[in-house]
Amino acid sequence: MNYLTLGFCLSLLGTALAHAADEAPPAVGGKTYASHLASAARSGHPEVRAVVVRVGATGASTTPIGVSPRGARPTGVTTHAVLRNVSGDALGGIDIILAPGAKDRAAIAKAIGDYIAARALSAKNLADPWPYDPHRSSATYAQTLVDRTMQAHPELLVFAIHATPPGEKTNIIIGSNIGRIGKAADDDDLRVIEKGETNLEVAEGGERFEVELPLNDAKGARIGALGEVFAYKAGDDKKALEARAIAVRDALARQIPASAALFRTHG
């Protein structure tokens, strides 16, 4: 198991940090979602020799949950960033090893920390395997729509598209900002997909408002579900947040000619 013993993984999933209720397969023989994010965060920073993601108390004795590059034991100058999730909650720390003489260390640390925070839901999410389902690609039109929509709507904390692959029966996540590509729909998702209902929920200690809506294509045919999550505090107007989610959903639908288009791969 890459950088994560089975005992540590099970212990981690039982902590208060592991907010998400769904279960994920362990990252046996592969890398964690945290390692994937560490690799992606390094790109564009040639002065960064390695990124180490640690959940919980930070320090050299802490078991890393994600390391990039894999197996790296680089030397250099180490700077740090707080490991946060999409809501800004602290989950641990990020060690960033830079080449000696690297400039703008604080800016680099902030950029890497912000990149990971925008794509991490919880400690459990970071312990997910990557790829979540090796038979599914993250280089799809659905993921392009997710990235494009979140760039246009920075108020979105989480954005996930659920659809059924052509010729198959199981509805899955095909695009999201928190990984889990290929994760099968749960009962709440299926209620939206099959009955056209809307799920509304205040989650994570009252700091997030989750809206899951039926997703249609440009012709009005229901093709799946769309999960949208916004920051929330007591007293916020839930109806206004739901209306915002509906507007985002409707704009997205106009960009989907048919469900099969979501699964087109590129790159």
C-alpha atoms as a PDB file:
ATOM      1  CA  MET A   1       0.000   0.000   0.000  1.00  0.00           C
ATOM      2  CA  ASN A   2       1.568   3.258  -1.117  1.00  0.00           C
ATOM      3  CA  TYR A   3       2.699   5.418   1.821  1.00  0.00           C
ATOM      4  CA  LEU A   4      -0.291   4.313   3.866  1.00  0.00           C
ATOM      5  CA  THR A   5      -0.576   1.167   5.943  1.00  0.00           C
ATOM      6  CA  LEU A   6      -3.929  -0.553   6.084  1.00  0.00           C
ATOM      7  CA  GLY A   7      -4.143   0.036   9.817  1.00  0.00           C
ATOM      8  CA  PHE A   8      -3.526   3.754   9.401  1.00  0.00           C
ATOM      9  CA  CYS A   9      -6.128   3.945   6.618  1.00  0.00           C
ATOM     10  CA  LEU A  10      -8.810   2.256   8.713  1.00  0.00           C
ATOM     11  CA  SER A  11      -7.982   4.417  11.693  1.00  0.00           C
ATOM     12  CA  LEU A  12      -8.113   7.531   9.559  1.00  0.00           C
ATOM     13  CA  LEU A  13     -11.510   6.653   8.148  1.00  0.00           C
ATOM     14  CA  GLY A  14     -12.872   6.357  11.669  1.00  0.00           C
ATOM     15  CA  THR A  15     -11.824   9.802  12.840  1.00  0.00           C
ATOM     16  CA  ALA A  16     -13.927  12.923  13.001  1.00  0.00           C
ATOM     17  CA  LEU A  17     -12.041  14.190   9.978  1.00  0.00           C
ATOM     18  CA  ALA A  18     -13.638  11.509   7.827  1.00  0.00           C
ATOM     19  CA  HIS A  19     -16.943  13.324   7.408  1.00  0.00           C
ATOM     20  CA  ALA A  20     -18.184  11.616   4.238  1.00  0.00           C
ATOM     21  CA  ALA A  21     -20.509   8.687   4.966  1.00  0.00           C
ATOM     22  CA  ASP A  22     -19.830   6.670   1.813  1.00  0.00           C
ATOM     23  CA  GLU A  23     -17.178   3.981   1.698  1.00  0.00           C
ATOM     24  CA  ALA A  24     -14.251   3.852  -0.712  1.00  0.00           C
ATOM     25  CA  PRO A  25     -12.022   0.929  -1.632  1.00  0.00           C
ATOM     26  CA  PRO A  26      -8.521   1.100  -0.114  1.00  0.00           C
ATOM     27  CA  ALA A  27      -5.674   2.302  -2.319  1.00  0.00           C
ATOM     28  CA  VAL A  28      -4.009  -1.113  -2.428  1.00  0.00           C
ATOM     29  CA  GLY A  29      -1.165  -1.327  -4.932  1.00  0.00           C
ATOM     30  CA  GLY A  30      -1.871   2.142  -6.266  1.00  0.00           C
ATOM     31  CA  LYS A  31      -1.705   5.722  -5.167  1.00  0.00           C
ATOM     32  CA  THR A  32      -4.057   7.824  -3.125  1.00  0.00           C
ATOM     33  CA  TYR A  33      -6.080  10.763  -4.325  1.00  0.00           C
ATOM     34  CA  ALA A  34      -3.792  12.879  -2.128  1.00  0.00           C
ATOM     35  CA  SER A  35      -0.785  11.675  -4.155  1.00  0.00           C
ATOM     36  CA  HIS A  36      -2.587  12.533  -7.382  1.00  0.00           C
ATOM     37  CA  LEU A  37      -3.307  16.053  -6.107  1.00  0.00           C
ATOM     38  CA  ALA A  38       0.303  16.431  -4.969  1.00  0.00           C
ATOM     39  CA  SER A  39       1.506  15.499  -8.468  1.00  0.00           C
ATOM     40  CA  ALA A  40      -0.919  17.878 -10.161  1.00  0.00           C
ATOM     41  CA  ALA A  41      -0.033  20.694  -7.760  1.00  0.00           C
ATOM     42  CA  ARG A  42       3.683  20.288  -8.571  1.00  0.00           C
ATOM     43  CA  SER A  43       3.137  20.822 -12.286  1.00  0.00           C
ATOM     44  CA  GLY A  44       4.174  24.291 -13.349  1.00  0.00           C
ATOM     45  CA  HIS A  45       6.629  24.564 -10.455  1.00  0.00           C
ATOM     46  CA  PRO A  46       9.961  23.138 -11.696  1.00  0.00           C
ATOM     47  CA  GLU A  47      11.676  24.360  -8.542  1.00  0.00           C
ATOM     48  CA  VAL A  48       9.523  21.996  -6.438  1.00  0.00           C
ATOM     49  CA  ARG A  49      11.274  18.660  -5.917  1.00  0.00           C
ATOM     50  CA  ALA A  50       8.536  16.959  -3.920  1.00  0.00           C
ATOM     51  CA  VAL A  51       5.199  17.505  -2.204  1.00  0.00           C
ATOM     52  CA  VAL A  52       4.172  15.500   0.859  1.00  0.00           C
ATOM     53  CA  VAL A  53       0.581  15.586   2.105  1.00  0.00           C
ATOM     54  CA  ARG A  54       0.029  14.745   5.778  1.00  0.00           C
ATOM     55  CA  VAL A  55      -3.344  14.347   7.527  1.00  0.00           C
ATOM     56  CA  GLY A  56      -3.687  15.136  11.217  1.00  0.00           C
ATOM     57  CA  ALA A  57      -0.829  16.385  13.381  1.00  0.00           C
ATOM     58  CA  THR A  58       2.073  17.540  11.237  1.00  0.00           C
ATOM     59  CA  GLY A  59       5.726  16.702  11.652  1.00  0.00           C
ATOM     60  CA  ALA A  60       8.384  14.382  10.311  1.00  0.00           C
ATOM     61  CA  SER A  61       7.012  11.432  12.305  1.00  0.00           C
ATOM     62  CA  THR A  62       3.549  11.706  10.727  1.00  0.00           C
ATOM     63  CA  THR A  63       2.715   9.090   8.103  1.00  0.00           C
ATOM     64  CA  PRO A  64       2.185  10.823   4.758  1.00  0.00           C
ATOM     65  CA  ILE A  65      -1.063  10.082   2.933  1.00  0.00           C
ATOM     66  CA  GLY A  66       0.202  11.415  -0.376  1.00  0.00           C
ATOM     67  CA  VAL A  67       3.676  11.909  -1.851  1.00  0.00           C
ATOM     68  CA  SER A  68       4.833  13.177  -5.238  1.00  0.00           C
ATOM     69  CA  PRO A  69       6.963  12.016  -6.923  1.00  0.00           C
ATOM     70  CA  ARG A  70       6.296   8.485  -5.795  1.00  0.00           C
ATOM     71  CA  GLY A  71       9.081   7.058  -3.675  1.00  0.00           C
ATOM     72  CA  ALA A  72      10.878  10.395  -3.549  1.00  0.00           C
ATOM     73  CA  ARG A  73      13.339  11.162  -0.757  1.00  0.00           C
ATOM     74  CA  PRO A  74      14.617  14.493  -2.035  1.00  0.00           C
ATOM     75  CA  THR A  75      16.814  16.970  -0.279  1.00  0.00           C
ATOM     76  CA  GLY A  76      16.396  20.686  -0.445  1.00  0.00           C
ATOM     77  CA  VAL A  77      14.708  23.540   1.338  1.00  0.00           C
ATOM     78  CA  THR A  78      11.377  22.657   2.942  1.00  0.00           C
ATOM     79  CA  THR A  79       8.487  25.062   3.294  1.00  0.00           C
ATOM     80  CA  HIS A  80       5.008  24.298   4.552  1.00  0.00           C
ATOM     81  CA  ALA A  81       1.356  24.970   3.863  1.00  0.00           C
ATOM     82  CA  VAL A  82      -1.726  24.074   5.855  1.00  0.00           C
ATOM     83  CA  LEU A  83      -3.710  21.222   4.332  1.00  0.00           C
ATOM     84  CA  ARG A  84      -7.291  22.471   4.012  1.00  0.00           C
ATOM     85  CA  ASN A  85     -10.492  21.259   2.423  1.00  0.00           C
ATOM     86  CA  VAL A  86     -13.019  23.039   0.209  1.00  0.00           C
ATOM     87  CA  SER A  87     -14.578  24.691   3.285  1.00  0.00           C
ATOM     88  CA  GLY A  88     -11.241  25.952   4.580  1.00  0.00           C
ATOM     89  CA  ASP A  89     -11.079  23.466   7.461  1.00  0.00           C
ATOM     90  CA  ALA A  90      -7.553  22.438   8.471  1.00  0.00           C
ATOM     91  CA  LEU A  91      -6.944  18.716   7.886  1.00  0.00           C
ATOM     92  CA  GLY A  92      -3.179  18.569   8.321  1.00  0.00           C
ATOM     93  CA  GLY A  93      -0.106  19.926   6.582  1.00  0.00           C
ATOM     94  CA  ILE A  94       1.740  19.970   3.276  1.00  0.00           C
ATOM     95  CA  ASP A  95       5.535  19.734   3.093  1.00  0.00           C
ATOM     96  CA  ILE A  96       6.980  21.322  -0.045  1.00  0.00           C
ATOM     97  CA  ILE A  97      10.627  20.522  -0.811  1.00  0.00           C
ATOM     98  CA  LEU A  98      12.236  23.139  -3.051  1.00  0.00           C
ATOM     99  CA  ALA A  99      15.543  23.282  -4.836  1.00  0.00           C
ATOM    100  CA  PRO A 100      18.128  25.362  -2.946  1.00  0.00           C
ATOM    101  CA  GLY A 101      17.925  28.963  -4.016  1.00  0.00           C
ATOM    102  CA  ALA A 102      14.272  28.761  -5.031  1.00  0.00           C
ATOM    103  CA  LYS A 103      12.561  32.122  -4.798  1.00  0.00           C
ATOM    104  CA  ASP A 104       9.019  33.104  -3.834  1.00  0.00           C
ATOM    105  CA  ARG A 105       8.713  30.193  -1.420  1.00  0.00           C
ATOM    106  CA  ALA A 106       5.659  31.620   0.312  1.00  0.00           C
ATOM    107  CA  ALA A 107       3.873  32.182  -2.995  1.00  0.00           C
ATOM    108  CA  ILE A 108       4.646  28.641  -4.147  1.00  0.00           C
ATOM    109  CA  ALA A 109       3.419  27.181  -0.866  1.00  0.00           C
ATOM    110  CA  LYS A 110       0.201  29.190  -1.116  1.00  0.00           C
ATOM    111  CA  ALA A 111      -0.398  28.138  -4.726  1.00  0.00           C
ATOM    112  CA  ILE A 112       0.049  24.453  -3.917  1.00  0.00           C
ATOM    113  CA  GLY A 113      -2.046  24.690  -0.760  1.00  0.00           C
ATOM    114  CA  ASP A 114      -4.855  26.485  -2.603  1.00  0.00           C
ATOM    115  CA  TYR A 115      -4.791  23.975  -5.455  1.00  0.00           C
ATOM    116  CA  ILE A 116      -5.226  21.006  -3.131  1.00  0.00           C
ATOM    117  CA  ALA A 117      -7.805  22.743  -0.922  1.00  0.00           C
ATOM    118  CA  ALA A 118     -10.080  23.419  -3.902  1.00  0.00           C
ATOM    119  CA  ARG A 119     -10.182  19.666  -4.653  1.00  0.00           C
ATOM    120  CA  ALA A 120     -10.270  18.024  -1.196  1.00  0.00           C
ATOM    121  CA  LEU A 121     -13.529  17.300   0.597  1.00  0.00           C
ATOM    122  CA  SER A 122     -12.211  15.514   3.691  1.00  0.00           C
ATOM    123  CA  ALA A 123      -9.428  13.326   5.039  1.00  0.00           C
ATOM    124  CA  LYS A 124     -11.357  10.297   3.862  1.00  0.00           C
ATOM    125  CA  ASN A 125     -11.601  11.776   0.378  1.00  0.00           C
ATOM    126  CA  LEU A 126      -7.811  12.256   0.311  1.00  0.00           C
ATOM    127  CA  ALA A 127      -7.380   8.573   1.236  1.00  0.00           C
ATOM    128  CA  ASP A 128      -9.460   7.475  -1.764  1.00  0.00           C
ATOM    129  CA  PRO A 129      -7.576   5.470  -4.397  1.00  0.00           C
ATOM    130  CA  TRP A 130      -6.523   7.180  -7.604  1.00  0.00           C
ATOM    131  CA  PRO A 131      -7.834   6.292 -10.015  1.00  0.00           C
ATOM    132  CA  TYR A 132     -10.980   5.505  -8.024  1.00  0.00           C
ATOM    133  CA  ASP A 133     -12.060   3.158 -10.788  1.00  0.00           C
ATOM    134  CA  PRO A 134      -9.170   2.229 -13.116  1.00  0.00           C
ATOM    135  CA  HIS A 135     -11.653   1.631 -15.928  1.00  0.00           C
ATOM    136  CA  ARG A 136     -12.757   5.270 -15.962  1.00  0.00           C
ATOM    137  CA  SER A 137     -10.951   8.325 -17.255  1.00  0.00           C
ATOM    138  CA  SER A 138     -10.905  11.802 -15.778  1.00  0.00           C
ATOM    139  CA  ALA A 139     -10.064  13.249 -19.212  1.00  0.00           C
ATOM    140  CA  THR A 140     -13.680  13.579 -20.341  1.00  0.00           C
ATOM    141  CA  TYR A 141     -16.050  16.234 -21.607  1.00  0.00           C
ATOM    142  CA  ALA A 142     -17.839  15.945 -18.257  1.00  0.00           C
ATOM    143  CA  GLN A 143     -14.665  16.929 -16.408  1.00  0.00           C
ATOM    144  CA  THR A 144     -14.126  19.808 -18.827  1.00  0.00           C
ATOM    145  CA  LEU A 145     -17.634  21.046 -17.967  1.00  0.00           C
ATOM    146  CA  VAL A 146     -16.890  20.747 -14.250  1.00  0.00           C
ATOM    147  CA  ASP A 147     -13.654  22.728 -14.531  1.00  0.00           C
ATOM    148  CA  ARG A 148     -15.261  25.355 -16.745  1.00  0.00           C
ATOM    149  CA  THR A 149     -18.291  25.765 -14.486  1.00  0.00           C
ATOM    150  CA  MET A 150     -16.288  26.036 -11.281  1.00  0.00           C
ATOM    151  CA  GLN A 151     -14.049  28.658 -12.824  1.00  0.00           C
ATOM    152  CA  ALA A 152     -17.137  30.682 -13.746  1.00  0.00           C
ATOM    153  CA  HIS A 153     -18.752  30.134 -10.332  1.00  0.00           C
ATOM    154  CA  PRO A 154     -16.133  30.370  -7.566  1.00  0.00           C
ATOM    155  CA  GLU A 155     -18.933  30.198  -4.993  1.00  0.00           C
ATOM    156  CA  LEU A 156     -19.222  26.457  -5.719  1.00  0.00           C
ATOM    157  CA  LEU A 157     -17.313  24.294  -3.238  1.00  0.00           C
ATOM    158  CA  VAL A 158     -18.169  20.945  -4.814  1.00  0.00           C
ATOM    159  CA  PHE A 159     -19.523  20.146  -8.263  1.00  0.00           C
ATOM    160  CA  ALA A 160     -20.176  16.576  -9.416  1.00  0.00           C
ATOM    161  CA  ILE A 161     -21.863  15.143 -12.504  1.00  0.00           C
ATOM    162  CA  HIS A 162     -23.566  11.737 -12.248  1.00  0.00           C
ATOM    163  CA  ALA A 163     -24.488   9.876 -15.452  1.00  0.00           C
ATOM    164  CA  THR A 164     -24.778   6.354 -16.832  1.00  0.00           C
ATOM    165  CA  PRO A 165     -22.125   5.220 -19.350  1.00  0.00           C
ATOM    166  CA  PRO A 166     -23.494   4.228 -22.770  1.00  0.00           C
ATOM    167  CA  GLY A 167     -24.561   0.590 -22.845  1.00  0.00           C
ATOM    168  CA  GLU A 168     -24.311   0.206 -19.057  1.00  0.00           C
ATOM    169  CA  LYS A 169     -26.788   0.264 -16.174  1.00  0.00           C
ATOM    170  CA  THR A 170     -24.829   1.696 -13.252  1.00  0.00           C
ATOM    171  CA  ASN A 171     -24.881   5.459 -12.800  1.00  0.00           C
ATOM    172  CA  ILE A 172     -21.504   6.869 -11.753  1.00  0.00           C
ATOM    173  CA  ILE A 173     -19.661  10.106 -11.050  1.00  0.00           C
ATOM    174  CA  ILE A 174     -18.086  11.064 -14.373  1.00  0.00           C
ATOM    175  CA  GLY A 175     -16.854  14.565 -13.499  1.00  0.00           C
ATOM    176  CA  SER A 176     -16.093  16.305 -10.202  1.00  0.00           C
ATOM    177  CA  ASN A 177     -13.624  18.514  -8.345  1.00  0.00           C
ATOM    178  CA  ILE A 178     -13.155  15.941  -5.558  1.00  0.00           C
ATOM    179  CA  GLY A 179     -12.082  12.897  -7.572  1.00  0.00           C
ATOM    180  CA  ARG A 180     -14.129   9.700  -7.149  1.00  0.00           C
ATOM    181  CA  ILE A 181     -14.516   9.277 -10.908  1.00  0.00           C
ATOM    182  CA  GLY A 182     -16.399   6.023 -11.430  1.00  0.00           C
ATOM    183  CA  LYS A 183     -18.028   5.925  -7.982  1.00  0.00           C
ATOM    184  CA  ALA A 184     -21.475   4.326  -8.236  1.00  0.00           C
ATOM    185  CA  ALA A 185     -24.571   6.327  -7.315  1.00  0.00           C
ATOM    186  CA  ASP A 186     -25.879   5.762  -3.788  1.00  0.00           C
ATOM    187  CA  ASP A 187     -29.513   5.689  -2.674  1.00  0.00           C
ATOM    188  CA  ASP A 188     -29.769   9.472  -2.382  1.00  0.00           C
ATOM    189  CA  ASP A 189     -28.336   9.900  -5.877  1.00  0.00           C
ATOM    190  CA  LEU A 190     -30.726   7.301  -7.307  1.00  0.00           C
ATOM    191  CA  ARG A 191     -33.735   9.056  -5.814  1.00  0.00           C
ATOM    192  CA  VAL A 192     -32.771  12.142  -7.807  1.00  0.00           C
ATOM    193  CA  ILE A 193     -31.875  10.201 -10.960  1.00  0.00           C
ATOM    194  CA  GLU A 194     -34.868   7.871 -11.052  1.00  0.00           C
ATOM    195  CA  LYS A 195     -37.627   9.974  -9.493  1.00  0.00           C
ATOM    196  CA  GLY A 196     -36.535  13.466 -10.450  1.00  0.00           C
ATOM    197  CA  GLU A 197     -36.499  14.611  -6.819  1.00  0.00           C
ATOM    198  CA  THR A 198     -34.146  17.213  -5.350  1.00  0.00           C
ATOM    199  CA  ASN A 199     -31.963  16.549  -2.304  1.00  0.00           C
ATOM    200  CA  LEU A 200     -31.316  19.521  -0.002  1.00  0.00           C
ATOM    201  CA  GLU A 201     -29.078  19.141   3.026  1.00  0.00           C
ATOM    202  CA  VAL A 202     -27.103  21.251   5.475  1.00  0.00           C
ATOM    203  CA  ALA A 203     -23.939  19.244   6.053  1.00  0.00           C
ATOM    204  CA  GLU A 204     -20.600  19.204   7.873  1.00  0.00           C
ATOM    205  CA  GLY A 205     -21.536  20.885  11.102  1.00  0.00           C
ATOM    206  CA  GLY A 206     -23.670  23.477   9.342  1.00  0.00           C
ATOM    207  CA  GLU A 207     -20.951  24.920   7.113  1.00  0.00           C
ATOM    208  CA  ARG A 208     -22.079  23.555   3.747  1.00  0.00           C
ATOM    209  CA  PHE A 209     -25.389  23.476   1.874  1.00  0.00           C
ATOM    210  CA  GLU A 210     -25.739  20.589  -0.566  1.00  0.00           C
ATOM    211  CA  VAL A 211     -28.121  20.694  -3.514  1.00  0.00           C
ATOM    212  CA  GLU A 212     -28.499  17.615  -5.710  1.00  0.00           C
ATOM    213  CA  LEU A 213     -30.690  18.120  -8.751  1.00  0.00           C
ATOM    214  CA  PRO A 214     -31.903  16.040 -11.690  1.00  0.00           C
ATOM    215  CA  LEU A 215     -29.641  16.711 -14.670  1.00  0.00           C
ATOM    216  CA  ASN A 216     -31.098  16.999 -18.175  1.00  0.00           C
ATOM    217  CA  ASP A 217     -29.444  17.222 -21.552  1.00  0.00           C
ATOM    218  CA  ALA A 218     -30.021  20.062 -23.996  1.00  0.00           C
ATOM    219  CA  LYS A 219     -33.194  18.360 -25.283  1.00  0.00           C
ATOM    220  CA  GLY A 220     -34.712  18.101 -21.805  1.00  0.00           C
ATOM    221  CA  ALA A 221     -34.158  14.368 -21.289  1.00  0.00           C
ATOM    222  CA  ARG A 222     -33.122  13.380 -17.772  1.00  0.00           C
ATOM    223  CA  ILE A 223     -29.637  11.873 -17.917  1.00  0.00           C
ATOM    224  CA  GLY A 224     -28.481  11.790 -14.305  1.00  0.00           C
ATOM    225  CA  ALA A 225     -27.905  14.058 -11.342  1.00  0.00           C
ATOM    226  CA  LEU A 226     -25.853  17.105 -10.502  1.00  0.00           C
ATOM    227  CA  GLY A 227     -24.400  17.721  -7.047  1.00  0.00           C
ATOM    228  CA  GLU A 228     -23.626  21.300  -6.045  1.00  0.00           C
ATOM    229  CA  VAL A 229     -22.297  22.415  -2.671  1.00  0.00           C
ATOM    230  CA  PHE A 230     -22.135  25.984  -1.338  1.00  0.00           C
ATOM    231  CA  ALA A 231     -20.697  27.547   1.787  1.00  0.00           C
ATOM    232  CA  TYR A 232     -23.410  28.001   4.414  1.00  0.00           C
ATOM    233  CA  LYS A 233     -23.964  29.514   7.819  1.00  0.00           C
ATOM    234  CA  ALA A 234     -27.025  29.642  10.018  1.00  0.00           C
ATOM    235  CA  GLY A 235     -29.542  32.133   8.664  1.00  0.00           C
ATOM    236  CA  ASP A 236     -28.451  31.965   5.025  1.00  0.00           C
ATOM    237  CA  ASP A 237     -31.291  31.886   2.495  1.00  0.00           C
ATOM    238  CA  LYS A 238     -31.614  28.238   1.432  1.00  0.00           C
ATOM    239  CA  LYS A 239     -34.146  29.075  -1.269  1.00  0.00           C
ATOM    240  CA  ALA A 240     -31.706  31.526  -2.821  1.00  0.00           C
ATOM    241  CA  LEU A 241     -28.948  28.913  -2.811  1.00  0.00           C
ATOM    242  CA  GLU A 242     -31.273  26.358  -4.391  1.00  0.00           C
ATOM    243  CA  ALA A 243     -32.257  28.885  -7.069  1.00  0.00           C
ATOM    244  CA  ARG A 244     -28.575  29.549  -7.778  1.00  0.00           C
ATOM    245  CA  ALA A 245     -27.967  25.798  -8.105  1.00  0.00           C
ATOM    246  CA  ILE A 246     -30.879  25.483 -10.530  1.00  0.00           C
ATOM    247  CA  ALA A 247     -29.530  28.314 -12.685  1.00  0.00           C
ATOM    248  CA  VAL A 248     -26.097  26.668 -12.822  1.00  0.00           C
ATOM    249  CA  ARG A 249     -27.710  23.309 -13.643  1.00  0.00           C
ATOM    250  CA  ASP A 250     -29.815  24.785 -16.454  1.00  0.00           C
ATOM    251  CA  ALA A 251     -26.796  26.526 -17.997  1.00  0.00           C
ATOM    252  CA  LEU A 252     -24.874  23.248 -17.840  1.00  0.00           C
ATOM    253  CA  ALA A 253     -27.683  21.288 -19.495  1.00  0.00           C
ATOM    254  CA  ARG A 254     -27.533  23.519 -22.552  1.00  0.00           C
ATOM    255  CA  GLN A 255     -23.946  22.342 -23.097  1.00  0.00           C
ATOM    256  CA  ILE A 256     -24.815  18.619 -23.081  1.00  0.00           C
ATOM    257  CA  PRO A 257     -26.198  17.387 -26.427  1.00  0.00           C
ATOM    258  CA  ALA A 258     -26.737  13.885 -24.962  1.00  0.00           C
ATOM    259  CA  SER A 259     -25.535  11.756 -22.068  1.00  0.00           C
ATOM    260  CA  ALA A 260     -22.988   9.947 -24.240  1.00  0.00           C
ATOM    261  CA  ALA A 261     -21.199  13.254 -24.906  1.00  0.00           C
ATOM    262  CA  LEU A 262     -20.170  13.425 -21.230  1.00  0.00           C
ATOM    263  CA  PHE A 263     -18.043  10.304 -21.657  1.00  0.00           C
ATOM    264  CA  ARG A 264     -16.056  11.494 -24.670  1.00  0.00           C
ATOM    265  CA  THR A 265     -12.370  11.391 -23.747  1.00  0.00           C
ATOM    266  CA  HIS A 266      -9.543  13.611 -24.837  1.00  0.00           C
ATOM    267  CA  GLY A 267      -5.823  13.911 -24.329  1.00  0.00           C
END
